[in-house]
Amino acid sequence: MTEHTAAGAKAPKSGSAPDAAAGARGGEHSTLREWTKSIVFAVVAWLILRTFLVEAFRIPSPSMENTLLVGDFLFVNKAIYGPEIPFTGIRLPAFREPKRNDILVFDSVEEDLDVVKRAVGVAGDTLEMRAGELYRNGARADEPYAIRSDPSKTESPEMREKMRAWQMKYLAGRDATTYAPDLHDWGPIVVPAGSYFMMGDNRDESYDGRYWGFLPRNNVRGTPVFVYYSYNAESWRTLPWLTDIRWRRIFDRVR
């Protein structure tokens, strides 16, 4: 028997409009999936990098001048002292422990912010200051990086009492009843185990361990590696932007 098609009916052809539209939608979905995977991978890689290896840090105050200047942007090595796994309190193994004169980025012991100072004392060191000069274990410390802009500066009675309150527990070989520390004269105090004594290189413009005490090892986050960008914050709004950039500081190692 011969089969007849309906009048005017045509057999569908391969690659018709519905198939083409479906193919286009499939291609769009595939492209979207690829983009999504790329973005997720980039975000995860950035989080791992920032958490365990390196993090950016900006210098907001003059406490570390002239080593670090306001307007410096740094990369901080977080792996060297053992990064902390978030939300666990567990630290990965460190390549080495902080040592004297290391510049450390750390969690403040008083506020929720990151701070950068120099470790001038480690556990067991006896530290004191006489007329603005730091003495460590009885010998004057060699500190070519330290600046003293106001040798006659003194602290308020309230701040001196704050210094005295925490230092009394660690005072060594001094009459506690007459002890009256000040910005440039204090100690001797002994650094306890698992702690560091931190000071800014700009000794007269630094809120550091002299006021709030010792830094626990667990607060240490890393050490600056180099300056990746720097600008003069004071002249930024008044001069052309190219003249504000400190070109010579870019890629300078921090030491």
C-alpha atoms as a PDB file:
ATOM      1  CA  MET A   1       0.000   0.000   0.000  1.00  0.00           C
ATOM      2  CA  THR A   2       1.300   3.424  -0.907  1.00  0.00           C
ATOM      3  CA  GLU A   3       1.516   5.972   1.946  1.00  0.00           C
ATOM      4  CA  HIS A   4       0.480   9.558   1.236  1.00  0.00           C
ATOM      5  CA  THR A   5       1.532  12.592   3.228  1.00  0.00           C
ATOM      6  CA  ALA A   6      -0.904  15.329   4.188  1.00  0.00           C
ATOM      7  CA  ALA A   7      -1.229  18.078   1.639  1.00  0.00           C
ATOM      8  CA  GLY A   8       1.419  20.738   2.098  1.00  0.00           C
ATOM      9  CA  ALA A   9       3.212  18.910   4.928  1.00  0.00           C
ATOM     10  CA  LYS A  10       6.998  18.860   4.884  1.00  0.00           C
ATOM     11  CA  ALA A  11       9.304  16.531   6.755  1.00  0.00           C
ATOM     12  CA  PRO A  12      11.394  18.355   9.428  1.00  0.00           C
ATOM     13  CA  LYS A  13      14.988  18.988   8.457  1.00  0.00           C
ATOM     14  CA  SER A  14      18.021  18.448  10.590  1.00  0.00           C
ATOM     15  CA  GLY A  15      19.207  21.715  12.251  1.00  0.00           C
ATOM     16  CA  SER A  16      15.772  23.337  12.349  1.00  0.00           C
ATOM     17  CA  ALA A  17      15.153  26.547  14.384  1.00  0.00           C
ATOM     18  CA  PRO A  18      14.011  24.777  17.623  1.00  0.00           C
ATOM     19  CA  ASP A  19      17.141  22.630  17.621  1.00  0.00           C
ATOM     20  CA  ALA A  20      19.371  25.638  16.963  1.00  0.00           C
ATOM     21  CA  ALA A  21      17.773  27.608  19.830  1.00  0.00           C
ATOM     22  CA  ALA A  22      18.205  24.680  22.180  1.00  0.00           C
ATOM     23  CA  GLY A  23      21.844  24.397  21.152  1.00  0.00           C
ATOM     24  CA  ALA A  24      22.393  28.102  21.754  1.00  0.00           C
ATOM     25  CA  ARG A  25      20.853  27.870  25.211  1.00  0.00           C
ATOM     26  CA  GLY A  26      23.040  24.881  25.993  1.00  0.00           C
ATOM     27  CA  GLY A  27      26.112  26.826  24.906  1.00  0.00           C
ATOM     28  CA  GLU A  28      25.123  29.766  27.099  1.00  0.00           C
ATOM     29  CA  HIS A  29      24.628  27.492  30.095  1.00  0.00           C
ATOM     30  CA  SER A  30      28.001  25.847  29.463  1.00  0.00           C
ATOM     31  CA  THR A  31      29.715  29.244  29.242  1.00  0.00           C
ATOM     32  CA  LEU A  32      27.998  30.389  32.447  1.00  0.00           C
ATOM     33  CA  ARG A  33      29.123  27.245  34.239  1.00  0.00           C
ATOM     34  CA  GLU A  34      32.700  27.791  33.110  1.00  0.00           C
ATOM     35  CA  TRP A  35      32.635  31.416  34.249  1.00  0.00           C
ATOM     36  CA  THR A  36      31.139  30.410  37.604  1.00  0.00           C
ATOM     37  CA  LYS A  37      33.792  27.737  38.125  1.00  0.00           C
ATOM     38  CA  SER A  38      36.553  30.192  37.249  1.00  0.00           C
ATOM     39  CA  ILE A  39      35.230  32.817  39.666  1.00  0.00           C
ATOM     40  CA  VAL A  40      34.789  30.290  42.500  1.00  0.00           C
ATOM     41  CA  PHE A  41      38.297  28.929  41.905  1.00  0.00           C
ATOM     42  CA  ALA A  42      39.758  32.460  41.916  1.00  0.00           C
ATOM     43  CA  VAL A  43      37.959  33.366  45.159  1.00  0.00           C
ATOM     44  CA  VAL A  44      39.042  30.144  46.886  1.00  0.00           C
ATOM     45  CA  ALA A  45      42.639  30.604  45.694  1.00  0.00           C
ATOM     46  CA  TRP A  46      42.633  34.218  46.937  1.00  0.00           C
ATOM     47  CA  LEU A  47      41.262  33.174  50.347  1.00  0.00           C
ATOM     48  CA  ILE A  48      43.902  30.453  50.719  1.00  0.00           C
ATOM     49  CA  LEU A  49      46.642  32.855  49.641  1.00  0.00           C
ATOM     50  CA  ARG A  50      45.437  35.582  52.022  1.00  0.00           C
ATOM     51  CA  THR A  51      44.934  33.225  54.964  1.00  0.00           C
ATOM     52  CA  PHE A  52      48.080  31.122  54.791  1.00  0.00           C
ATOM     53  CA  LEU A  53      50.701  32.837  52.644  1.00  0.00           C
ATOM     54  CA  VAL A  54      50.618  36.585  52.046  1.00  0.00           C
ATOM     55  CA  GLU A  55      48.396  39.547  52.866  1.00  0.00           C
ATOM     56  CA  ALA A  56      48.405  43.242  52.015  1.00  0.00           C
ATOM     57  CA  PHE A  57      48.860  45.791  54.808  1.00  0.00           C
ATOM     58  CA  ARG A  58      48.779  49.598  54.830  1.00  0.00           C
ATOM     59  CA  ILE A  59      50.771  51.843  57.185  1.00  0.00           C
ATOM     60  CA  PRO A  60      48.344  54.338  58.772  1.00  0.00           C
ATOM     61  CA  SER A  61      50.545  56.016  61.416  1.00  0.00           C
ATOM     62  CA  PRO A  62      54.099  57.363  61.822  1.00  0.00           C
ATOM     63  CA  SER A  63      55.048  54.981  64.646  1.00  0.00           C
ATOM     64  CA  MET A  64      57.543  53.038  62.496  1.00  0.00           C
ATOM     65  CA  GLU A  65      59.207  55.969  60.720  1.00  0.00           C
ATOM     66  CA  ASN A  66      61.663  56.055  59.063  1.00  0.00           C
ATOM     67  CA  THR A  67      61.582  52.313  58.422  1.00  0.00           C
ATOM     68  CA  LEU A  68      57.938  52.413  57.318  1.00  0.00           C
ATOM     69  CA  LEU A  69      56.140  55.580  56.260  1.00  0.00           C
ATOM     70  CA  VAL A  70      52.504  56.616  56.337  1.00  0.00           C
ATOM     71  CA  GLY A  71      51.208  55.712  52.876  1.00  0.00           C
ATOM     72  CA  ASP A  72      53.330  52.565  52.469  1.00  0.00           C
ATOM     73  CA  PHE A  73      51.505  49.458  51.254  1.00  0.00           C
ATOM     74  CA  LEU A  74      53.191  46.176  52.170  1.00  0.00           C
ATOM     75  CA  PHE A  75      52.983  42.508  51.432  1.00  0.00           C
ATOM     76  CA  VAL A  76      53.126  40.506  54.669  1.00  0.00           C
ATOM     77  CA  ASN A  77      54.571  36.986  54.815  1.00  0.00           C
ATOM     78  CA  LYS A  78      52.107  34.996  56.955  1.00  0.00           C
ATOM     79  CA  ALA A  79      53.645  31.564  56.397  1.00  0.00           C
ATOM     80  CA  ILE A  80      56.972  32.233  58.123  1.00  0.00           C
ATOM     81  CA  TYR A  81      55.654  32.142  61.726  1.00  0.00           C
ATOM     82  CA  GLY A  82      52.916  29.571  61.109  1.00  0.00           C
ATOM     83  CA  PRO A  83      49.497  30.824  59.941  1.00  0.00           C
ATOM     84  CA  GLU A  84      46.378  30.059  61.934  1.00  0.00           C
ATOM     85  CA  ILE A  85      43.605  27.920  60.480  1.00  0.00           C
ATOM     86  CA  PRO A  86      40.486  30.127  60.680  1.00  0.00           C
ATOM     87  CA  PHE A  87      37.956  29.419  63.454  1.00  0.00           C
ATOM     88  CA  THR A  88      40.058  26.606  64.931  1.00  0.00           C
ATOM     89  CA  GLY A  89      42.820  28.275  66.910  1.00  0.00           C
ATOM     90  CA  ILE A  90      45.220  25.758  65.337  1.00  0.00           C
ATOM     91  CA  ARG A  91      48.469  27.069  63.846  1.00  0.00           C
ATOM     92  CA  LEU A  92      50.390  25.401  61.056  1.00  0.00           C
ATOM     93  CA  PRO A  93      54.099  24.687  61.643  1.00  0.00           C
ATOM     94  CA  ALA A  94      56.309  27.783  61.491  1.00  0.00           C
ATOM     95  CA  PHE A  95      59.441  28.042  59.367  1.00  0.00           C
ATOM     96  CA  ARG A  96      61.038  29.842  62.302  1.00  0.00           C
ATOM     97  CA  GLU A  97      60.158  31.747  65.466  1.00  0.00           C
ATOM     98  CA  PRO A  98      60.271  35.574  65.716  1.00  0.00           C
ATOM     99  CA  LYS A  99      63.636  36.867  66.863  1.00  0.00           C
ATOM    100  CA  ARG A 100      65.071  40.154  68.104  1.00  0.00           C
ATOM    101  CA  ASN A 101      64.678  43.086  65.711  1.00  0.00           C
ATOM    102  CA  ASP A 102      62.107  41.310  63.532  1.00  0.00           C
ATOM    103  CA  ILE A 103      59.320  43.611  62.357  1.00  0.00           C
ATOM    104  CA  LEU A 104      56.037  41.888  63.172  1.00  0.00           C
ATOM    105  CA  VAL A 105      52.454  42.368  62.093  1.00  0.00           C
ATOM    106  CA  PHE A 106      50.202  41.237  64.928  1.00  0.00           C
ATOM    107  CA  ASP A 107      46.759  41.402  66.478  1.00  0.00           C
ATOM    108  CA  SER A 108      46.498  44.230  68.985  1.00  0.00           C
ATOM    109  CA  VAL A 109      46.158  43.117  72.604  1.00  0.00           C
ATOM    110  CA  GLU A 110      43.661  45.932  73.243  1.00  0.00           C
ATOM    111  CA  GLU A 111      41.605  46.404  70.075  1.00  0.00           C
ATOM    112  CA  ASP A 112      40.384  44.499  67.030  1.00  0.00           C
ATOM    113  CA  LEU A 113      43.015  45.699  64.565  1.00  0.00           C
ATOM    114  CA  ASP A 114      46.366  44.745  63.054  1.00  0.00           C
ATOM    115  CA  VAL A 115      49.498  46.526  64.270  1.00  0.00           C
ATOM    116  CA  VAL A 116      53.109  46.632  63.069  1.00  0.00           C
ATOM    117  CA  LYS A 117      56.075  47.154  65.445  1.00  0.00           C
ATOM    118  CA  ARG A 118      59.602  45.833  66.007  1.00  0.00           C
ATOM    119  CA  ALA A 119      60.403  43.028  68.453  1.00  0.00           C
ATOM    120  CA  VAL A 120      63.100  44.543  70.678  1.00  0.00           C
ATOM    121  CA  GLY A 121      62.926  41.788  73.285  1.00  0.00           C
ATOM    122  CA  VAL A 122      62.217  38.049  73.395  1.00  0.00           C
ATOM    123  CA  ALA A 123      61.517  35.667  76.274  1.00  0.00           C
ATOM    124  CA  GLY A 124      64.161  35.934  79.010  1.00  0.00           C
ATOM    125  CA  ASP A 125      65.502  39.345  77.959  1.00  0.00           C
ATOM    126  CA  THR A 126      65.871  42.055  80.594  1.00  0.00           C
ATOM    127  CA  LEU A 127      64.923  45.435  79.123  1.00  0.00           C
ATOM    128  CA  GLU A 128      65.100  48.996  80.354  1.00  0.00           C
ATOM    129  CA  MET A 129      65.290  52.524  79.014  1.00  0.00           C
ATOM    130  CA  ARG A 130      67.568  55.243  80.311  1.00  0.00           C
ATOM    131  CA  ALA A 131      67.240  58.747  78.884  1.00  0.00           C
ATOM    132  CA  GLY A 132      65.629  57.342  75.740  1.00  0.00           C
ATOM    133  CA  GLU A 133      68.284  54.660  75.133  1.00  0.00           C
ATOM    134  CA  LEU A 134      67.225  51.007  75.162  1.00  0.00           C
ATOM    135  CA  TYR A 135      69.322  48.571  77.199  1.00  0.00           C
ATOM    136  CA  ARG A 136      68.991  44.830  76.711  1.00  0.00           C
ATOM    137  CA  ASN A 137      70.523  42.406  79.197  1.00  0.00           C
ATOM    138  CA  GLY A 138      72.681  45.194  80.622  1.00  0.00           C
ATOM    139  CA  ALA A 139      74.128  46.426  77.307  1.00  0.00           C
ATOM    140  CA  ARG A 140      72.955  49.356  75.215  1.00  0.00           C
ATOM    141  CA  ALA A 141      71.094  48.030  72.170  1.00  0.00           C
ATOM    142  CA  ASP A 142      72.424  48.927  68.730  1.00  0.00           C
ATOM    143  CA  GLU A 143      69.415  50.517  67.036  1.00  0.00           C
ATOM    144  CA  PRO A 144      70.368  52.420  63.856  1.00  0.00           C
ATOM    145  CA  TYR A 145      66.722  52.371  62.778  1.00  0.00           C
ATOM    146  CA  ALA A 146      65.355  54.179  65.873  1.00  0.00           C
ATOM    147  CA  ILE A 147      64.570  57.900  65.745  1.00  0.00           C
ATOM    148  CA  ARG A 148      63.992  60.194  68.709  1.00  0.00           C
ATOM    149  CA  SER A 149      62.193  63.328  67.583  1.00  0.00           C
ATOM    150  CA  ASP A 150      61.426  64.748  71.048  1.00  0.00           C
ATOM    151  CA  PRO A 151      63.903  63.637  73.752  1.00  0.00           C
ATOM    152  CA  SER A 152      62.256  65.913  76.322  1.00  0.00           C
ATOM    153  CA  LYS A 153      58.780  64.446  75.844  1.00  0.00           C
ATOM    154  CA  THR A 154      57.063  63.099  78.951  1.00  0.00           C
ATOM    155  CA  GLU A 155      53.804  61.260  79.493  1.00  0.00           C
ATOM    156  CA  SER A 156      50.711  62.332  81.376  1.00  0.00           C
ATOM    157  CA  PRO A 157      50.218  61.090  84.953  1.00  0.00           C
ATOM    158  CA  GLU A 158      47.431  58.797  83.711  1.00  0.00           C
ATOM    159  CA  MET A 159      49.623  57.141  81.079  1.00  0.00           C
ATOM    160  CA  ARG A 160      52.534  56.822  83.491  1.00  0.00           C
ATOM    161  CA  GLU A 161      50.274  55.051  85.946  1.00  0.00           C
ATOM    162  CA  LYS A 162      49.110  52.736  83.153  1.00  0.00           C
ATOM    163  CA  MET A 163      52.734  51.876  82.414  1.00  0.00           C
ATOM    164  CA  ARG A 164      53.505  51.280  86.076  1.00  0.00           C
ATOM    165  CA  ALA A 165      50.443  49.083  86.627  1.00  0.00           C
ATOM    166  CA  TRP A 166      51.472  46.340  84.209  1.00  0.00           C
ATOM    167  CA  GLN A 167      55.265  46.665  84.628  1.00  0.00           C
ATOM    168  CA  MET A 168      55.247  46.093  88.409  1.00  0.00           C
ATOM    169  CA  LYS A 169      54.751  42.338  87.967  1.00  0.00           C
ATOM    170  CA  TYR A 170      57.873  42.040  85.801  1.00  0.00           C
ATOM    171  CA  LEU A 171      60.135  44.547  87.543  1.00  0.00           C
ATOM    172  CA  ALA A 172      63.654  43.260  88.280  1.00  0.00           C
ATOM    173  CA  GLY A 173      66.140  44.646  90.797  1.00  0.00           C
ATOM    174  CA  ARG A 174      64.354  47.894  91.519  1.00  0.00           C
ATOM    175  CA  ASP A 175      62.456  49.300  94.486  1.00  0.00           C
ATOM    176  CA  ALA A 176      58.787  48.944  93.561  1.00  0.00           C
ATOM    177  CA  THR A 177      57.657  51.554  96.094  1.00  0.00           C
ATOM    178  CA  THR A 178      59.498  54.371  94.315  1.00  0.00           C
ATOM    179  CA  TYR A 179      59.149  53.059  90.742  1.00  0.00           C
ATOM    180  CA  ALA A 180      57.753  55.768  88.424  1.00  0.00           C
ATOM    181  CA  PRO A 181      58.212  54.853  84.737  1.00  0.00           C
ATOM    182  CA  ASP A 182      57.978  57.369  81.918  1.00  0.00           C
ATOM    183  CA  LEU A 183      58.251  57.334  78.135  1.00  0.00           C
ATOM    184  CA  HIS A 184      62.072  57.468  78.095  1.00  0.00           C
ATOM    185  CA  ASP A 185      62.850  55.921  81.484  1.00  0.00           C
ATOM    186  CA  TRP A 186      61.480  52.574  82.651  1.00  0.00           C
ATOM    187  CA  GLY A 187      62.491  49.084  83.724  1.00  0.00           C
ATOM    188  CA  PRO A 188      64.337  46.875  84.081  1.00  0.00           C
ATOM    189  CA  ILE A 189      61.625  44.345  83.273  1.00  0.00           C
ATOM    190  CA  VAL A 190      61.986  40.693  82.241  1.00  0.00           C
ATOM    191  CA  VAL A 191      60.142  39.348  79.180  1.00  0.00           C
ATOM    192  CA  PRO A 192      58.130  36.249  80.185  1.00  0.00           C
ATOM    193  CA  ALA A 193      57.992  32.965  78.267  1.00  0.00           C
ATOM    194  CA  GLY A 194      55.952  32.915  75.072  1.00  0.00           C
ATOM    195  CA  SER A 195      56.020  36.709  74.748  1.00  0.00           C
ATOM    196  CA  TYR A 196      57.739  39.578  72.939  1.00  0.00           C
ATOM    197  CA  PHE A 197      58.297  43.230  73.750  1.00  0.00           C
ATOM    198  CA  MET A 198      57.309  45.456  70.838  1.00  0.00           C
ATOM    199  CA  MET A 199      58.310  49.052  70.139  1.00  0.00           C
ATOM    200  CA  GLY A 200      57.913  51.452  67.233  1.00  0.00           C
ATOM    201  CA  ASP A 201      61.055  52.750  65.550  1.00  0.00           C
ATOM    202  CA  ASN A 202      59.732  56.300  66.008  1.00  0.00           C
ATOM    203  CA  ARG A 203      60.187  56.157  69.768  1.00  0.00           C
ATOM    204  CA  ASP A 204      58.406  59.406  70.642  1.00  0.00           C
ATOM    205  CA  GLU A 205      55.349  58.799  68.417  1.00  0.00           C
ATOM    206  CA  SER A 206      54.571  55.163  69.082  1.00  0.00           C
ATOM    207  CA  TYR A 207      51.882  53.613  71.237  1.00  0.00           C
ATOM    208  CA  ASP A 208      53.616  50.310  71.895  1.00  0.00           C
ATOM    209  CA  GLY A 209      54.560  47.747  74.533  1.00  0.00           C
ATOM    210  CA  ARG A 210      55.660  50.443  76.969  1.00  0.00           C
ATOM    211  CA  TYR A 211      51.964  51.164  77.502  1.00  0.00           C
ATOM    212  CA  TRP A 212      50.116  47.880  76.973  1.00  0.00           C
ATOM    213  CA  GLY A 213      52.685  45.253  77.925  1.00  0.00           C
ATOM    214  CA  PHE A 214      54.002  42.117  76.271  1.00  0.00           C
ATOM    215  CA  LEU A 215      52.801  40.575  73.030  1.00  0.00           C
ATOM    216  CA  PRO A 216      51.709  36.904  73.278  1.00  0.00           C
ATOM    217  CA  ARG A 217      53.152  34.581  70.619  1.00  0.00           C
ATOM    218  CA  ASN A 218      49.663  33.651  69.466  1.00  0.00           C
ATOM    219  CA  ASN A 219      48.980  37.242  68.362  1.00  0.00           C
ATOM    220  CA  VAL A 220      51.812  37.226  65.801  1.00  0.00           C
ATOM    221  CA  ARG A 221      50.534  37.139  62.212  1.00  0.00           C
ATOM    222  CA  GLY A 222      53.551  37.705  59.969  1.00  0.00           C
ATOM    223  CA  THR A 223      56.364  39.978  58.878  1.00  0.00           C
ATOM    224  CA  PRO A 224      56.424  42.607  56.102  1.00  0.00           C
ATOM    225  CA  VAL A 225      58.368  41.546  53.013  1.00  0.00           C
ATOM    226  CA  PHE A 226      58.465  44.562  50.720  1.00  0.00           C
ATOM    227  CA  VAL A 227      56.667  47.793  49.842  1.00  0.00           C
ATOM    228  CA  TYR A 228      54.537  47.311  46.711  1.00  0.00           C
ATOM    229  CA  TYR A 229      53.180  50.868  46.623  1.00  0.00           C
ATOM    230  CA  SER A 230      53.823  54.115  48.487  1.00  0.00           C
ATOM    231  CA  TYR A 231      52.518  57.657  48.315  1.00  0.00           C
ATOM    232  CA  ASN A 232      52.930  60.872  50.271  1.00  0.00           C
ATOM    233  CA  ALA A 233      49.709  61.087  52.264  1.00  0.00           C
ATOM    234  CA  GLU A 234      50.326  64.702  53.334  1.00  0.00           C
ATOM    235  CA  SER A 235      50.603  66.146  49.818  1.00  0.00           C
ATOM    236  CA  TRP A 236      48.177  63.779  48.083  1.00  0.00           C
ATOM    237  CA  ARG A 237      45.351  66.314  47.805  1.00  0.00           C
ATOM    238  CA  THR A 238      47.453  69.318  46.792  1.00  0.00           C
ATOM    239  CA  LEU A 239      49.928  68.033  44.182  1.00  0.00           C
ATOM    240  CA  PRO A 240      49.554  66.128  40.894  1.00  0.00           C
ATOM    241  CA  TRP A 241      49.205  62.454  41.713  1.00  0.00           C
ATOM    242  CA  LEU A 242      52.362  61.325  39.898  1.00  0.00           C
ATOM    243  CA  THR A 243      54.495  63.531  42.124  1.00  0.00           C
ATOM    244  CA  ASP A 244      52.894  62.058  45.243  1.00  0.00           C
ATOM    245  CA  ILE A 245      54.018  58.501  44.520  1.00  0.00           C
ATOM    246  CA  ARG A 246      57.259  57.527  46.256  1.00  0.00           C
ATOM    247  CA  TRP A 247      58.700  55.693  43.276  1.00  0.00           C
ATOM    248  CA  ARG A 248      61.988  54.830  45.002  1.00  0.00           C
ATOM    249  CA  ARG A 249      60.215  52.978  47.812  1.00  0.00           C
ATOM    250  CA  ILE A 250      58.314  50.625  45.524  1.00  0.00           C
ATOM    251  CA  PHE A 251      59.698  47.064  45.861  1.00  0.00           C
ATOM    252  CA  ASP A 252      61.931  48.111  48.762  1.00  0.00           C
ATOM    253  CA  ARG A 253      62.560  45.287  51.217  1.00  0.00           C
ATOM    254  CA  VAL A 254      61.444  45.916  54.794  1.00  0.00           C
ATOM    255  CA  ARG A 255      64.152  45.341  57.404  1.00  0.00           C
END
